PDB file of N, CA and C in Angstrom:
ATOM      1  N   MET A   1       1.473 -13.258  -1.878  1.00  0.00           N
ATOM      2  CA  MET A   1       2.459 -12.441  -0.812  1.00  0.00           C
ATOM      3  C   MET A   1       3.461 -12.762  -1.714  1.00  0.00           C
ATOM      4  N   MET A   2       3.878 -11.443  -1.031  1.00  0.00           N
ATOM      5  CA  MET A   2       5.112 -10.783  -1.310  1.00  0.00           C
ATOM      6  C   MET A   2       6.457 -11.415  -0.730  1.00  0.00           C
ATOM      7  N   LYS A   3       7.639 -11.073  -1.168  1.00  0.00           N
ATOM      8  CA  LYS A   3       8.833 -11.117  -0.689  1.00  0.00           C
ATOM      9  C   LYS A   3       8.841 -11.058   0.615  1.00  0.00           C
ATOM     10  N   GLY A   4       9.721 -11.567   1.776  1.00  0.00           N
ATOM     11  CA  GLY A   4       9.300 -10.618   2.642  1.00  0.00           C
ATOM     12  C   GLY A   4       8.304 -11.158   4.017  1.00  0.00           C
ATOM     13  N   SER A   5       7.700 -12.002   3.231  1.00  0.00           N
ATOM     14  CA  SER A   5       6.745 -12.289   4.021  1.00  0.00           C
ATOM     15  C   SER A   5       7.012 -13.293   5.404  1.00  0.00           C
ATOM     16  N   ARG A   6       6.369 -12.759   6.669  1.00  0.00           N
ATOM     17  CA  ARG A   6       6.386 -13.888   7.932  1.00  0.00           C
ATOM     18  C   ARG A   6       5.961 -14.981   7.553  1.00  0.00           C
ATOM     19  N   ALA A   7       5.022 -14.965   6.774  1.00  0.00           N
ATOM     20  CA  ALA A   7       4.265 -16.369   6.599  1.00  0.00           C
ATOM     21  C   ALA A   7       5.309 -17.451   5.247  1.00  0.00           C
ATOM     22  N   ALA A   8       6.036 -17.092   4.508  1.00  0.00           N
ATOM     23  CA  ALA A   8       6.770 -17.777   3.853  1.00  0.00           C
ATOM     24  C   ALA A   8       7.891 -18.736   4.432  1.00  0.00           C
ATOM     25  N   GLY A   9       7.363 -19.855   3.677  1.00  0.00           N
ATOM     26  CA  GLY A   9       7.927 -21.837   4.427  1.00  0.00           C
ATOM     27  C   GLY A   9       7.062 -21.925   5.176  1.00  0.00           C
ATOM     28  N   ARG A  10       6.088 -20.932   5.344  1.00  0.00           N
ATOM     29  CA  ARG A  10       5.284 -21.777   7.320  1.00  0.00           C
ATOM     30  C   ARG A  10       4.232 -22.711   6.283  1.00  0.00           C
ATOM     31  N   THR A  11       3.909 -23.653   7.203  1.00  0.00           N
ATOM     32  CA  THR A  11       2.567 -24.792   7.008  1.00  0.00           C
ATOM     33  C   THR A  11       1.109 -23.371   6.851  1.00  0.00           C
ATOM     34  N   LEU A  12       0.387 -23.754   6.872  1.00  0.00           N
ATOM     35  CA  LEU A  12      -1.006 -23.205   6.888  1.00  0.00           C
ATOM     36  C   LEU A  12      -1.424 -23.833   8.130  1.00  0.00           C
ATOM     37  N   ALA A  13      -0.993 -24.804   8.887  1.00  0.00           N
ATOM     38  CA  ALA A  13      -1.484 -25.276   9.929  1.00  0.00           C
ATOM     39  C   ALA A  13      -0.620 -24.730  11.261  1.00  0.00           C
ATOM     40  N   GLU A  14       1.015 -24.517  10.654  1.00  0.00           N
ATOM     41  CA  GLU A  14       1.070 -23.290  11.299  1.00  0.00           C
ATOM     42  C   GLU A  14       0.872 -21.988  11.646  1.00  0.00           C
ATOM     43  N   LEU A  15       0.143 -21.411  10.391  1.00  0.00           N
ATOM     44  CA  LEU A  15      -0.244 -20.094  10.528  1.00  0.00           C
ATOM     45  C   LEU A  15      -1.148 -19.796  11.153  1.00  0.00           C
ATOM     46  N   ASP A  16      -2.221 -21.386  10.923  1.00  0.00           N
ATOM     47  CA  ASP A  16      -3.458 -21.423  11.702  1.00  0.00           C
ATOM     48  C   ASP A  16      -4.186 -20.201  11.227  1.00  0.00           C
ATOM     49  N   LEU A  17      -4.336 -19.585  10.040  1.00  0.00           N
ATOM     50  CA  LEU A  17      -4.998 -18.401   9.759  1.00  0.00           C
ATOM     51  C   LEU A  17      -6.505 -18.451  10.098  1.00  0.00           C
ATOM     52  N   ARG A  18      -7.378 -19.748  10.184  1.00  0.00           N
ATOM     53  CA  ARG A  18      -8.890 -19.249  10.679  1.00  0.00           C
ATOM     54  C   ARG A  18      -8.927 -19.057  11.593  1.00  0.00           C
ATOM     55  N   ARG A  19      -8.258 -20.193  12.356  1.00  0.00           N
ATOM     56  CA  ARG A  19      -8.710 -19.698  14.047  1.00  0.00           C
ATOM     57  C   ARG A  19      -7.955 -17.680  14.367  1.00  0.00           C
ATOM     58  N   ARG A  20      -6.708 -17.383  13.752  1.00  0.00           N
ATOM     59  CA  ARG A  20      -6.287 -16.701  13.973  1.00  0.00           C
ATOM     60  C   ARG A  20      -6.682 -15.142  13.806  1.00  0.00           C
ATOM     61  N   THR A  21      -7.307 -15.319  12.606  1.00  0.00           N
ATOM     62  CA  THR A  21      -8.096 -13.821  11.790  1.00  0.00           C
ATOM     63  C   THR A  21      -9.564 -14.559  11.518  1.00  0.00           C
ATOM     64  N   GLY A  22     -10.065 -15.824  11.700  1.00  0.00           N
ATOM     65  CA  GLY A  22     -11.566 -15.539  10.981  1.00  0.00           C
ATOM     66  C   GLY A  22     -11.449 -15.970   8.957  1.00  0.00           C
ATOM     67  N   ALA A  23     -10.614 -15.853   8.565  1.00  0.00           N
ATOM     68  CA  ALA A  23     -10.648 -16.049   7.310  1.00  0.00           C
ATOM     69  C   ALA A  23      -9.999 -17.646   6.903  1.00  0.00           C
ATOM     70  N   THR A  24     -10.708 -17.656   5.723  1.00  0.00           N
ATOM     71  CA  THR A  24     -10.620 -19.121   5.333  1.00  0.00           C
ATOM     72  C   THR A  24      -9.378 -19.037   3.831  1.00  0.00           C
ATOM     73  N   VAL A  25      -8.473 -19.580   3.772  1.00  0.00           N
ATOM     74  CA  VAL A  25      -7.939 -19.975   2.643  1.00  0.00           C
ATOM     75  C   VAL A  25      -8.630 -21.158   1.906  1.00  0.00           C
ATOM     76  N   LEU A  26      -9.287 -20.342   0.406  1.00  0.00           N
ATOM     77  CA  LEU A  26      -9.644 -20.838  -0.689  1.00  0.00           C
ATOM     78  C   LEU A  26      -8.609 -21.935  -1.326  1.00  0.00           C
ATOM     79  N   SER A  27      -7.758 -21.435  -1.733  1.00  0.00           N
ATOM     80  CA  SER A  27      -6.686 -21.783  -3.185  1.00  0.00           C
ATOM     81  C   SER A  27      -5.409 -21.290  -2.982  1.00  0.00           C
ATOM     82  N   VAL A  28      -4.437 -21.718  -3.302  1.00  0.00           N
ATOM     83  CA  VAL A  28      -3.101 -21.001  -3.576  1.00  0.00           C
ATOM     84  C   VAL A  28      -2.211 -21.492  -5.358  1.00  0.00           C
ATOM     85  N   VAL A  29      -2.036 -19.972  -5.196  1.00  0.00           N
ATOM     86  CA  VAL A  29      -1.541 -20.586  -6.661  1.00  0.00           C
ATOM     87  C   VAL A  29       0.043 -20.414  -6.525  1.00  0.00           C
ATOM     88  N   ARG A  30       0.410 -20.950  -7.430  1.00  0.00           N
ATOM     89  CA  ARG A  30       2.417 -20.738  -7.324  1.00  0.00           C
ATOM     90  C   ARG A  30       2.504 -20.878  -8.794  1.00  0.00           C
ATOM     91  N   ASN A  31       3.450 -20.023  -9.047  1.00  0.00           N
ATOM     92  CA  ASN A  31       3.456 -19.853 -10.430  1.00  0.00           C
ATOM     93  C   ASN A  31       2.327 -20.366 -12.091  1.00  0.00           C
ATOM     94  N   GLU A  32       1.612 -19.182 -11.520  1.00  0.00           N
ATOM     95  CA  GLU A  32       0.501 -19.465 -12.521  1.00  0.00           C
ATOM     96  C   GLU A  32      -0.169 -20.685 -12.094  1.00  0.00           C
ATOM     97  N   GLN A  33      -0.330 -21.932 -11.474  1.00  0.00           N
ATOM     98  CA  GLN A  33      -0.415 -22.915 -11.318  1.00  0.00           C
ATOM     99  C   GLN A  33      -1.724 -22.936 -10.288  1.00  0.00           C
ATOM    100  N   PRO A  34      -2.775 -23.308 -10.320  1.00  0.00           N
ATOM    101  CA  PRO A  34      -3.136 -23.749  -8.902  1.00  0.00           C
ATOM    102  C   PRO A  34      -2.965 -25.193  -8.048  1.00  0.00           C
ATOM    103  N   LEU A  35      -2.397 -25.197  -6.485  1.00  0.00           N
ATOM    104  CA  LEU A  35      -1.982 -26.214  -6.352  1.00  0.00           C
ATOM    105  C   LEU A  35      -3.242 -26.992  -5.713  1.00  0.00           C
ATOM    106  N   PRO A  36      -3.238 -28.343  -5.409  1.00  0.00           N
ATOM    107  CA  PRO A  36      -4.204 -28.899  -4.962  1.00  0.00           C
ATOM    108  C   PRO A  36      -4.834 -28.349  -3.435  1.00  0.00           C
ATOM    109  N   PRO A  37      -6.394 -28.558  -3.372  1.00  0.00           N
ATOM    110  CA  PRO A  37      -6.797 -28.270  -2.481  1.00  0.00           C
ATOM    111  C   PRO A  37      -5.922 -27.855  -1.329  1.00  0.00           C
ATOM    112  N   PRO A  38      -5.981 -26.395  -1.120  1.00  0.00           N
ATOM    113  CA  PRO A  38      -4.920 -26.658   0.350  1.00  0.00           C
ATOM    114  C   PRO A  38      -5.186 -27.294   1.853  1.00  0.00           C
ATOM    115  N   ASP A  39      -4.437 -27.586   2.464  1.00  0.00           N
ATOM    116  CA  ASP A  39      -5.157 -28.230   3.788  1.00  0.00           C
ATOM    117  C   ASP A  39      -3.494 -27.804   4.764  1.00  0.00           C
ATOM    118  N   GLY A  40      -3.432 -28.642   6.048  1.00  0.00           N
ATOM    119  CA  GLY A  40      -2.523 -27.808   6.634  1.00  0.00           C
ATOM    120  C   GLY A  40      -1.438 -28.364   6.616  1.00  0.00           C
ATOM    121  N   PRO A  41      -0.389 -29.067   5.684  1.00  0.00           N
ATOM    122  CA  PRO A  41       0.569 -29.238   5.526  1.00  0.00           C
ATOM    123  C   PRO A  41       1.030 -28.372   3.806  1.00  0.00           C
ATOM    124  N   THR A  42       0.362 -27.643   3.632  1.00  0.00           N
ATOM    125  CA  THR A  42       0.225 -26.739   2.495  1.00  0.00           C
ATOM    126  C   THR A  42       1.528 -25.968   3.231  1.00  0.00           C
ATOM    127  N   ARG A  43       2.535 -25.866   2.260  1.00  0.00           N
ATOM    128  CA  ARG A  43       3.719 -24.579   2.947  1.00  0.00           C
ATOM    129  C   ARG A  43       3.440 -23.651   1.620  1.00  0.00           C
ATOM    130  N   LEU A  44       3.729 -22.302   2.413  1.00  0.00           N
ATOM    131  CA  LEU A  44       3.653 -21.015   1.050  1.00  0.00           C
ATOM    132  C   LEU A  44       4.596 -20.371   0.642  1.00  0.00           C
ATOM    133  N   GLU A  45       4.844 -20.430   0.084  1.00  0.00           N
ATOM    134  CA  GLU A  45       6.310 -19.082  -0.401  1.00  0.00           C
ATOM    135  C   GLU A  45       6.081 -18.302  -1.005  1.00  0.00           C
ATOM    136  N   ALA A  46       7.138 -17.029  -0.746  1.00  0.00           N
ATOM    137  CA  ALA A  46       7.020 -16.084  -1.813  1.00  0.00           C
ATOM    138  C   ALA A  46       6.733 -15.962  -2.907  1.00  0.00           C
ATOM    139  N   GLU A  47       5.671 -15.333  -3.318  1.00  0.00           N
ATOM    140  CA  GLU A  47       4.750 -14.791  -4.526  1.00  0.00           C
ATOM    141  C   GLU A  47       4.307 -15.977  -4.380  1.00  0.00           C
ATOM    142  N   ASP A  48       3.653 -16.926  -3.948  1.00  0.00           N
ATOM    143  CA  ASP A  48       2.354 -17.533  -4.036  1.00  0.00           C
ATOM    144  C   ASP A  48       1.096 -16.420  -3.920  1.00  0.00           C
ATOM    145  N   LEU A  49       0.060 -16.514  -4.685  1.00  0.00           N
ATOM    146  CA  LEU A  49      -0.998 -15.831  -4.404  1.00  0.00           C
ATOM    147  C   LEU A  49      -2.156 -17.156  -3.750  1.00  0.00           C
ATOM    148  N   VAL A  50      -2.618 -16.126  -3.052  1.00  0.00           N
ATOM    149  CA  VAL A  50      -3.214 -16.866  -1.534  1.00  0.00           C
ATOM    150  C   VAL A  50      -4.674 -16.375  -1.902  1.00  0.00           C
ATOM    151  N   VAL A  51      -5.520 -17.343  -2.371  1.00  0.00           N
ATOM    152  CA  VAL A  51      -7.226 -16.641  -2.586  1.00  0.00           C
ATOM    153  C   VAL A  51      -7.803 -16.844  -0.415  1.00  0.00           C
ATOM    154  N   LEU A  52      -8.756 -15.959  -0.309  1.00  0.00           N
ATOM    155  CA  LEU A  52      -9.050 -15.893   0.943  1.00  0.00           C
ATOM    156  C   LEU A  52     -10.507 -15.255   1.067  1.00  0.00           C
ATOM    157  N   TYR A  53     -11.769 -16.446   1.986  1.00  0.00           N
ATOM    158  CA  TYR A  53     -12.735 -15.889   2.099  1.00  0.00           C
ATOM    159  C   TYR A  53     -13.082 -15.511   3.310  1.00  0.00           C
ATOM    160  N   GLY A  54     -14.192 -14.914   3.737  1.00  0.00           N
ATOM    161  CA  GLY A  54     -14.178 -14.508   4.999  1.00  0.00           C
ATOM    162  C   GLY A  54     -14.700 -12.669   5.017  1.00  0.00           C
ATOM    163  N   PRO A  55     -14.951 -12.742   6.332  1.00  0.00           N
ATOM    164  CA  PRO A  55     -15.819 -11.227   6.244  1.00  0.00           C
ATOM    165  C   PRO A  55     -14.666 -10.079   6.232  1.00  0.00           C
ATOM    166  N   HIS A  56     -14.661  -8.887   5.737  1.00  0.00           N
ATOM    167  CA  HIS A  56     -13.348  -7.910   5.327  1.00  0.00           C
ATOM    168  C   HIS A  56     -12.515  -7.838   6.574  1.00  0.00           C
ATOM    169  N   GLU A  57     -13.085  -7.699   7.906  1.00  0.00           N
ATOM    170  CA  GLU A  57     -12.242  -7.483   8.864  1.00  0.00           C
ATOM    171  C   GLU A  57     -11.559  -9.143   8.951  1.00  0.00           C
ATOM    172  N   ALA A  58     -11.702 -10.078   8.635  1.00  0.00           N
ATOM    173  CA  ALA A  58     -11.135 -11.099   8.803  1.00  0.00           C
ATOM    174  C   ALA A  58      -9.748 -11.323   7.480  1.00  0.00           C
ATOM    175  N   ILE A  59     -10.497 -10.737   6.357  1.00  0.00           N
ATOM    176  CA  ILE A  59      -9.356 -10.855   5.323  1.00  0.00           C
ATOM    177  C   ILE A  59      -8.017  -9.570   5.455  1.00  0.00           C
ATOM    178  N   ASP A  60      -8.544  -8.398   6.656  1.00  0.00           N
ATOM    179  CA  ASP A  60      -7.859  -7.494   6.336  1.00  0.00           C
ATOM    180  C   ASP A  60      -6.567  -7.642   7.563  1.00  0.00           C
ATOM    181  N   ARG A  61      -7.035  -8.879   8.715  1.00  0.00           N
ATOM    182  CA  ARG A  61      -6.365  -9.526   9.956  1.00  0.00           C
ATOM    183  C   ARG A  61      -5.175 -10.470   8.764  1.00  0.00           C
ATOM    184  N   ALA A  62      -5.813 -11.358   8.273  1.00  0.00           N
ATOM    185  CA  ALA A  62      -5.026 -12.128   7.323  1.00  0.00           C
ATOM    186  C   ALA A  62      -4.100 -11.896   6.714  1.00  0.00           C
ATOM    187  N   LEU A  63      -4.532 -10.518   5.647  1.00  0.00           N
ATOM    188  CA  LEU A  63      -3.559 -10.211   4.620  1.00  0.00           C
ATOM    189  C   LEU A  63      -2.488  -9.195   5.674  1.00  0.00           C
ATOM    190  N   ALA A  64      -2.532  -8.565   6.848  1.00  0.00           N
ATOM    191  CA  ALA A  64      -1.126  -8.656   7.996  1.00  0.00           C
ATOM    192  C   ALA A  64      -0.621  -9.307   8.519  1.00  0.00           C
ATOM    193  N   LEU A  65      -0.804 -10.870   8.689  1.00  0.00           N
ATOM    194  CA  LEU A  65       0.151 -11.741   8.474  1.00  0.00           C
ATOM    195  C   LEU A  65       0.717 -12.192   7.598  1.00  0.00           C
ATOM    196  N   LEU A  66      -0.041 -11.903   6.180  1.00  0.00           N
ATOM    197  CA  LEU A  66       1.287 -12.297   5.241  1.00  0.00           C
ATOM    198  C   LEU A  66       1.627 -11.126   4.186  1.00  0.00           C
ATOM    199  N   GLU A  67       1.610  -9.930   4.928  1.00  0.00           N
ATOM    200  CA  GLU A  67       2.243  -8.686   4.238  1.00  0.00           C
ATOM    201  C   GLU A  67       4.212  -8.755   4.806  1.00  0.00           C
ATOM    202  N   PRO A  68       4.866  -8.666   3.816  1.00  0.00           N
ATOM    203  CA  PRO A  68       6.300  -8.494   4.174  1.00  0.00           C
ATOM    204  C   PRO A  68       6.288  -7.697   5.749  1.00  0.00           C
ATOM    205  N   VAL A  69       7.591  -7.969   6.263  1.00  0.00           N
ATOM    206  CA  VAL A  69       8.059  -7.788   7.851  1.00  0.00           C
ATOM    207  C   VAL A  69       8.101  -6.379   7.146  1.00  0.00           C
ATOM    208  N   GLY A  70       7.602  -5.486   8.237  1.00  0.00           N
ATOM    209  CA  GLY A  70       8.334  -4.289   8.149  1.00  0.00           C
ATOM    210  C   GLY A  70       7.084  -2.836   7.487  1.00  0.00           C
ATOM    211  N   ARG A  71       6.475  -3.931   6.701  1.00  0.00           N
ATOM    212  CA  ARG A  71       5.252  -3.125   6.257  1.00  0.00           C
ATOM    213  C   ARG A  71       4.407  -2.514   6.628  1.00  0.00           C
TER     214      ARG A  71
END
């Protein structure tokens, strides 16, 4: 996730990616270290690596929500 993403600072529960996009967050890596298994309270930060699972269309929709504003 890049700096300027509208998802930065928000929790997975707030983003509700699975319902909104069909993609599932499998893992979040921060500073080259995997976080504990992600759940609703997991807060995303700029430059987190977010590992997603789902059909290509779902991944594309999720990436659109994770991209920086204006891209």
